[in-house]
């Protein structure tokens, strides 16, 4: 009879673990509901950094492309993209590359430039 009493004890243990697993997920939705309450506060409007809005003096090479008025760095990049698209200077195979014409060659110093390094090369032509 000793063997008969051990068998029911083993079956009872797995039932408890199944019940414990079912109880654990019930606690997580309550924790997830508390998180959106923090996000309900109104977000602050992002203010631009004044250093980016400062008008910079352009070199003669760069002013031949974007104009001779002092411009902020963001406007310089925007006007360069307008010039690039108007003259179809984006590489057709790889749109991230810009093929320089005579004016841009004076600014970039290379016949082909990546759009990521373009902003760095502009830095040499502004004060």
N, C-alpha and C. Protein backbone atom coordinates (compact mmCIF):
# COMPACT_ATOMS: atom_id res chain seq x y z
N UNK A 1 0.79 -1.18 0.00
CA UNK A 1 0.00 0.00 0.00
C UNK A 1 0.84 1.26 0.00
N UNK A 2 2.08 1.11 0.29
CA UNK A 2 2.96 2.28 0.32
C UNK A 2 3.13 2.86 -1.07
N UNK A 3 3.13 2.03 -2.07
CA UNK A 3 3.28 2.53 -3.44
C UNK A 3 2.02 3.25 -3.91
N UNK A 4 0.88 2.88 -3.44
CA UNK A 4 -0.37 3.50 -3.86
C UNK A 4 -0.48 4.92 -3.31
N UNK A 5 0.06 5.19 -2.15
CA UNK A 5 -0.04 6.53 -1.57
C UNK A 5 0.94 7.50 -2.23
N UNK A 6 2.05 7.01 -2.76
CA UNK A 6 3.03 7.89 -3.40
C UNK A 6 2.55 8.38 -4.77
N UNK A 7 1.83 7.59 -5.50
CA UNK A 7 1.40 7.98 -6.84
C UNK A 7 0.45 9.18 -6.82
N UNK A 8 -0.56 9.29 -5.97
CA UNK A 8 -1.42 10.47 -5.98
C UNK A 8 -0.67 11.74 -5.57
N UNK A 9 0.34 11.64 -4.75
CA UNK A 9 1.10 12.81 -4.32
C UNK A 9 1.87 13.42 -5.49
N UNK A 10 2.37 12.61 -6.39
CA UNK A 10 3.10 13.11 -7.55
C UNK A 10 2.16 13.81 -8.53
N UNK A 11 0.94 13.35 -8.68
CA UNK A 11 0.00 13.97 -9.59
C UNK A 11 -0.47 15.33 -9.06
N UNK A 12 -0.52 15.52 -7.80
CA UNK A 12 -0.99 16.77 -7.22
C UNK A 12 0.02 17.90 -7.45
N UNK A 13 1.28 17.59 -7.49
CA UNK A 13 2.31 18.62 -7.65
C UNK A 13 2.23 19.29 -9.02
N UNK A 14 2.09 18.59 -10.14
CA UNK A 14 1.99 19.28 -11.43
C UNK A 14 0.75 20.18 -11.54
N UNK A 15 -0.35 19.82 -10.88
CA UNK A 15 -1.54 20.64 -10.93
C UNK A 15 -1.30 21.99 -10.27
N UNK A 16 -0.52 22.03 -9.22
CA UNK A 16 -0.22 23.29 -8.54
C UNK A 16 0.61 24.20 -9.44
N UNK A 17 1.56 23.64 -10.18
CA UNK A 17 2.41 24.47 -11.05
C UNK A 17 1.61 25.05 -12.20
N UNK A 18 0.63 24.27 -12.71
CA UNK A 18 -0.23 24.77 -13.79
C UNK A 18 -1.07 25.92 -13.27
N UNK A 19 -1.59 25.81 -12.07
CA UNK A 19 -2.40 26.86 -11.47
C UNK A 19 -1.54 28.10 -11.22
N UNK A 20 -0.29 27.92 -10.83
CA UNK A 20 0.60 29.05 -10.59
C UNK A 20 0.94 29.76 -11.89
N UNK A 21 1.09 29.02 -13.00
CA UNK A 21 1.38 29.63 -14.29
C UNK A 21 0.17 30.44 -14.78
N UNK A 22 -1.02 29.97 -14.52
CA UNK A 22 -2.20 30.71 -14.96
C UNK A 22 -2.39 31.98 -14.15
N UNK A 23 -1.99 32.00 -12.90
CA UNK A 23 -2.16 33.16 -12.04
C UNK A 23 -1.13 34.25 -12.38
N UNK A 24 0.06 33.88 -12.85
CA UNK A 24 1.11 34.86 -13.13
C UNK A 24 0.75 35.82 -14.27
N UNK A 25 0.18 35.38 -15.39
CA UNK A 25 -0.16 36.33 -16.45
C UNK A 25 -1.24 37.32 -16.04
N UNK A 26 -2.06 36.99 -15.08
CA UNK A 26 -3.12 37.91 -14.65
C UNK A 26 -2.53 39.17 -14.04
N UNK A 27 -1.36 39.10 -13.46
CA UNK A 27 -0.73 40.26 -12.84
C UNK A 27 -0.12 41.20 -13.87
N UNK A 28 0.36 40.70 -15.00
CA UNK A 28 1.03 41.55 -15.98
C UNK A 28 0.11 42.54 -16.68
N UNK A 29 -1.14 42.24 -17.02
CA UNK A 29 -1.98 43.26 -17.65
C UNK A 29 -2.22 44.45 -16.73
N UNK A 30 -2.30 44.23 -15.43
CA UNK A 30 -2.49 45.34 -14.51
C UNK A 30 -1.26 46.26 -14.54
N UNK A 31 -0.07 45.68 -14.66
CA UNK A 31 1.15 46.49 -14.73
C UNK A 31 1.20 47.25 -16.05
N UNK A 32 0.70 46.65 -17.13
CA UNK A 32 0.71 47.32 -18.42
C UNK A 32 -0.30 48.47 -18.45
N UNK A 33 -1.39 48.35 -17.74
CA UNK A 33 -2.38 49.43 -17.69
C UNK A 33 -1.84 50.64 -16.94
N UNK A 34 -0.96 50.44 -15.99
CA UNK A 34 -0.41 51.55 -15.22
C UNK A 34 0.58 52.37 -16.05
N UNK A 35 1.28 51.74 -17.00
CA UNK A 35 2.28 52.44 -17.81
C UNK A 35 1.68 53.52 -18.70
N UNK A 36 0.55 53.33 -19.38
CA UNK A 36 0.00 54.40 -20.22
C UNK A 36 -0.42 55.63 -19.43
N UNK A 37 -0.70 55.51 -18.16
CA UNK A 37 -1.08 56.67 -17.37
C UNK A 37 0.05 57.69 -17.32
N UNK A 38 1.30 57.23 -17.31
CA UNK A 38 2.44 58.13 -17.33
C UNK A 38 2.55 58.84 -18.68
N UNK A 39 2.21 58.13 -19.76
CA UNK A 39 2.31 58.71 -21.10
C UNK A 39 1.18 59.69 -21.40
N UNK A 40 0.16 59.74 -20.58
CA UNK A 40 -0.99 60.59 -20.84
C UNK A 40 -0.66 62.07 -20.66
N UNK A 41 0.43 62.40 -19.98
CA UNK A 41 0.81 63.80 -19.79
C UNK A 41 1.15 64.42 -21.14
N UNK A 42 0.77 65.69 -21.38
CA UNK A 42 1.06 66.31 -22.68
C UNK A 42 2.56 66.47 -22.90
N UNK A 43 2.99 66.14 -24.11
CA UNK A 43 4.41 66.20 -24.45
C UNK A 43 4.80 67.65 -24.73
N UNK A 44 6.04 68.01 -24.36
CA UNK A 44 6.54 69.35 -24.64
C UNK A 44 6.86 69.48 -26.11
N UNK A 45 6.62 70.65 -26.68
CA UNK A 45 6.98 70.87 -28.07
C UNK A 45 8.49 71.08 -28.14
N UNK A 46 9.10 70.41 -29.07
CA UNK A 46 10.55 70.45 -29.21
C UNK A 46 10.97 71.79 -29.80
N UNK A 47 11.92 72.45 -29.15
CA UNK A 47 12.41 73.72 -29.65
C UNK A 47 13.72 73.50 -30.38
N UNK A 48 13.92 74.16 -31.51
CA UNK A 48 15.17 73.96 -32.26
C UNK A 48 16.35 74.61 -31.55
N UNK A 49 17.50 74.05 -31.78
CA UNK A 49 18.73 74.58 -31.21
C UNK A 49 19.08 75.89 -31.92
N UNK A 50 19.30 76.98 -31.19
CA UNK A 50 19.59 78.26 -31.84
C UNK A 50 20.87 78.24 -32.67
N UNK A 51 21.79 77.34 -32.38
CA UNK A 51 23.03 77.27 -33.15
C UNK A 51 22.75 76.87 -34.60
N UNK A 52 21.72 76.08 -34.83
CA UNK A 52 21.38 75.67 -36.19
C UNK A 52 20.69 76.79 -36.96
N UNK A 53 20.10 77.74 -36.25
CA UNK A 53 19.36 78.82 -36.91
C UNK A 53 20.24 80.04 -37.18
N UNK A 54 21.48 80.02 -36.72
CA UNK A 54 22.38 81.15 -36.90
C UNK A 54 22.79 81.26 -38.38
N UNK A 55 22.66 82.47 -38.93
CA UNK A 55 23.03 82.68 -40.32
C UNK A 55 24.55 82.66 -40.46
N UNK A 56 25.05 81.92 -41.44
CA UNK A 56 26.48 81.75 -41.66
C UNK A 56 26.90 82.42 -42.97
N UNK A 57 28.12 82.93 -42.98
CA UNK A 57 28.67 83.54 -44.19
C UNK A 57 29.19 82.42 -45.09
N UNK A 58 28.87 82.51 -46.37
CA UNK A 58 29.23 81.45 -47.32
C UNK A 58 30.50 81.81 -48.08
N UNK A 59 31.24 80.78 -48.48
CA UNK A 59 32.41 80.99 -49.32
C UNK A 59 31.93 81.30 -50.74
N UNK A 60 32.79 81.87 -51.59
CA UNK A 60 32.38 82.16 -52.97
C UNK A 60 31.96 80.91 -53.75
N UNK A 61 32.61 79.78 -53.50
CA UNK A 61 32.27 78.53 -54.20
C UNK A 61 30.85 78.08 -53.83
N UNK A 62 30.52 78.14 -52.54
CA UNK A 62 29.21 77.70 -52.09
C UNK A 62 28.12 78.71 -52.46
N UNK A 63 28.46 79.99 -52.42
CA UNK A 63 27.47 81.00 -52.78
C UNK A 63 27.10 80.94 -54.26
N UNK A 64 27.97 80.38 -55.10
CA UNK A 64 27.64 80.19 -56.52
C UNK A 64 26.53 79.17 -56.70
N UNK A 65 26.37 78.28 -55.73
CA UNK A 65 25.36 77.23 -55.82
C UNK A 65 24.06 77.64 -55.11
N UNK A 66 24.15 78.16 -53.88
CA UNK A 66 22.95 78.41 -53.07
C UNK A 66 22.56 79.88 -52.97
N UNK A 67 23.36 80.79 -53.44
CA UNK A 67 23.06 82.22 -53.32
C UNK A 67 24.05 82.91 -52.42
N UNK A 68 24.06 84.25 -52.47
CA UNK A 68 25.11 84.98 -51.75
C UNK A 68 24.67 85.50 -50.39
N UNK A 69 23.43 85.30 -49.97
CA UNK A 69 22.96 85.77 -48.67
C UNK A 69 23.43 84.81 -47.57
N UNK A 70 23.71 85.31 -46.37
CA UNK A 70 24.02 84.41 -45.25
C UNK A 70 22.80 83.56 -44.90
N UNK A 71 23.03 82.28 -44.71
CA UNK A 71 21.96 81.32 -44.46
C UNK A 71 22.31 80.43 -43.28
N UNK A 72 21.30 79.91 -42.56
CA UNK A 72 21.57 78.88 -41.55
C UNK A 72 21.96 77.57 -42.23
N UNK A 73 22.63 76.73 -41.49
CA UNK A 73 23.13 75.46 -42.03
C UNK A 73 22.00 74.60 -42.61
N UNK A 74 20.85 74.61 -41.96
CA UNK A 74 19.74 73.80 -42.45
C UNK A 74 19.26 74.28 -43.82
N UNK A 75 19.23 75.59 -44.01
CA UNK A 75 18.80 76.13 -45.30
C UNK A 75 19.83 75.87 -46.40
N UNK A 76 21.10 75.87 -46.02
CA UNK A 76 22.16 75.59 -47.01
C UNK A 76 21.98 74.17 -47.55
N UNK A 77 21.75 73.21 -46.67
CA UNK A 77 21.57 71.82 -47.09
C UNK A 77 20.30 71.69 -47.94
N UNK A 78 19.24 72.38 -47.54
CA UNK A 78 18.00 72.32 -48.32
C UNK A 78 18.20 72.88 -49.72
N UNK A 79 18.88 74.01 -49.83
CA UNK A 79 19.10 74.61 -51.14
C UNK A 79 20.04 73.76 -52.00
N UNK A 80 20.99 73.09 -51.36
CA UNK A 80 21.85 72.18 -52.11
C UNK A 80 21.03 71.04 -52.71
N UNK A 81 20.09 70.49 -51.95
CA UNK A 81 19.26 69.41 -52.46
C UNK A 81 18.37 69.90 -53.60
N UNK A 82 17.88 71.14 -53.51
CA UNK A 82 17.08 71.69 -54.61
C UNK A 82 17.94 71.77 -55.87
N UNK A 83 19.19 72.23 -55.72
CA UNK A 83 20.11 72.33 -56.86
C UNK A 83 20.42 70.95 -57.43
N UNK A 84 20.67 69.99 -56.55
CA UNK A 84 21.02 68.62 -56.98
C UNK A 84 19.87 68.00 -57.77
N UNK A 85 18.65 68.14 -57.26
CA UNK A 85 17.50 67.53 -57.94
C UNK A 85 17.15 68.28 -59.22
N UNK A 86 17.32 69.61 -59.23
CA UNK A 86 17.01 70.39 -60.44
C UNK A 86 17.96 70.04 -61.58
N UNK A 87 19.21 69.75 -61.26
CA UNK A 87 20.21 69.43 -62.28
C UNK A 87 20.42 67.93 -62.47
N UNK A 88 19.58 67.11 -61.80
CA UNK A 88 19.64 65.65 -61.94
C UNK A 88 21.04 65.11 -61.64
N UNK A 89 21.57 65.49 -60.48
CA UNK A 89 22.93 65.10 -60.11
C UNK A 89 22.99 63.87 -59.20
N UNK A 90 21.85 63.34 -58.80
CA UNK A 90 21.85 62.12 -58.00
C UNK A 90 22.20 60.95 -58.90
N UNK A 91 23.07 60.07 -58.41
CA UNK A 91 23.45 58.89 -59.18
C UNK A 91 22.22 58.00 -59.38
N UNK A 92 21.99 57.54 -60.60
CA UNK A 92 20.80 56.75 -60.90
C UNK A 92 20.87 55.34 -60.30
N UNK A 93 22.06 54.77 -60.22
CA UNK A 93 22.22 53.43 -59.68
C UNK A 93 22.15 53.43 -58.15
N UNK A 94 22.79 54.42 -57.52
CA UNK A 94 22.83 54.52 -56.06
C UNK A 94 22.41 55.93 -55.69
N UNK A 95 21.18 56.10 -55.26
CA UNK A 95 20.62 57.43 -54.99
C UNK A 95 21.30 58.14 -53.82
N UNK A 96 22.09 57.43 -53.04
CA UNK A 96 22.80 58.07 -51.93
C UNK A 96 24.03 58.84 -52.40
N UNK A 97 24.45 58.60 -53.62
CA UNK A 97 25.64 59.27 -54.15
C UNK A 97 25.23 60.47 -55.01
N UNK A 98 26.03 61.54 -54.92
CA UNK A 98 25.78 62.75 -55.68
C UNK A 98 26.94 62.96 -56.63
N UNK A 99 26.63 63.09 -57.91
CA UNK A 99 27.64 63.35 -58.92
C UNK A 99 27.81 64.87 -59.04
N UNK A 100 29.03 65.34 -58.85
CA UNK A 100 29.28 66.78 -58.83
C UNK A 100 29.45 67.32 -60.25
N UNK A 101 28.82 68.49 -60.49
CA UNK A 101 29.10 69.22 -61.73
C UNK A 101 30.21 70.22 -61.42
N UNK A 102 30.46 71.19 -62.30
CA UNK A 102 31.58 72.13 -62.09
C UNK A 102 31.42 72.93 -60.81
N UNK A 103 30.21 73.39 -60.52
CA UNK A 103 29.98 74.20 -59.32
C UNK A 103 30.16 73.37 -58.05
N UNK A 104 29.57 72.18 -58.03
CA UNK A 104 29.68 71.33 -56.84
C UNK A 104 31.07 70.74 -56.68
N UNK A 105 31.78 70.55 -57.76
CA UNK A 105 33.15 70.05 -57.67
C UNK A 105 34.03 71.03 -56.90
N UNK A 106 33.77 72.34 -57.08
CA UNK A 106 34.52 73.35 -56.33
C UNK A 106 34.18 73.30 -54.84
N UNK A 107 32.95 72.92 -54.52
CA UNK A 107 32.54 72.85 -53.11
C UNK A 107 33.01 71.54 -52.47
N UNK A 108 32.77 70.42 -53.14
CA UNK A 108 33.07 69.11 -52.57
C UNK A 108 34.53 68.72 -52.70
N UNK A 109 35.15 69.06 -53.81
CA UNK A 109 36.54 68.66 -54.05
C UNK A 109 36.68 67.27 -54.62
N UNK A 110 35.58 66.58 -54.89
CA UNK A 110 35.59 65.22 -55.44
C UNK A 110 34.50 65.14 -56.52
N UNK A 111 34.65 64.22 -57.47
CA UNK A 111 33.62 64.10 -58.50
C UNK A 111 32.34 63.42 -58.01
N UNK A 112 32.42 62.61 -56.95
CA UNK A 112 31.24 61.94 -56.42
C UNK A 112 31.31 61.91 -54.90
N UNK A 113 30.19 62.26 -54.25
CA UNK A 113 30.15 62.38 -52.79
C UNK A 113 28.90 61.66 -52.28
N UNK A 114 29.03 61.04 -51.12
CA UNK A 114 27.88 60.43 -50.45
C UNK A 114 27.05 61.54 -49.80
N UNK A 115 25.75 61.35 -49.74
CA UNK A 115 24.90 62.37 -49.14
C UNK A 115 25.19 62.53 -47.65
N UNK A 116 25.77 61.54 -47.02
CA UNK A 116 26.09 61.62 -45.61
C UNK A 116 27.34 62.47 -45.35
N UNK A 117 28.28 62.47 -46.26
CA UNK A 117 29.47 63.28 -46.09
C UNK A 117 29.31 64.68 -46.66
N UNK A 118 28.20 64.93 -47.33
CA UNK A 118 27.97 66.25 -47.92
C UNK A 118 27.91 67.34 -46.85
N UNK A 119 27.24 67.10 -45.74
CA UNK A 119 27.13 68.10 -44.67
C UNK A 119 28.50 68.41 -44.07
N UNK A 120 29.36 67.42 -43.97
CA UNK A 120 30.70 67.65 -43.45
C UNK A 120 31.55 68.49 -44.39
N UNK A 121 31.37 68.29 -45.69
CA UNK A 121 32.13 69.07 -46.67
C UNK A 121 31.64 70.50 -46.75
N UNK A 122 30.40 70.75 -46.42
CA UNK A 122 29.86 72.10 -46.41
C UNK A 122 30.51 72.92 -45.30
N UNK A 123 30.86 72.28 -44.21
CA UNK A 123 31.45 72.97 -43.06
C UNK A 123 32.71 73.74 -43.40
N UNK A 124 33.43 73.32 -44.41
CA UNK A 124 34.65 74.02 -44.81
C UNK A 124 34.35 75.33 -45.54
N UNK A 125 33.11 75.50 -45.99
CA UNK A 125 32.76 76.65 -46.81
C UNK A 125 31.85 77.64 -46.09
N UNK A 126 31.69 77.51 -44.77
CA UNK A 126 30.86 78.45 -44.00
C UNK A 126 31.66 78.98 -42.81
N UNK A 127 31.31 80.19 -42.41
CA UNK A 127 31.94 80.80 -41.22
C UNK A 127 30.87 81.30 -40.28
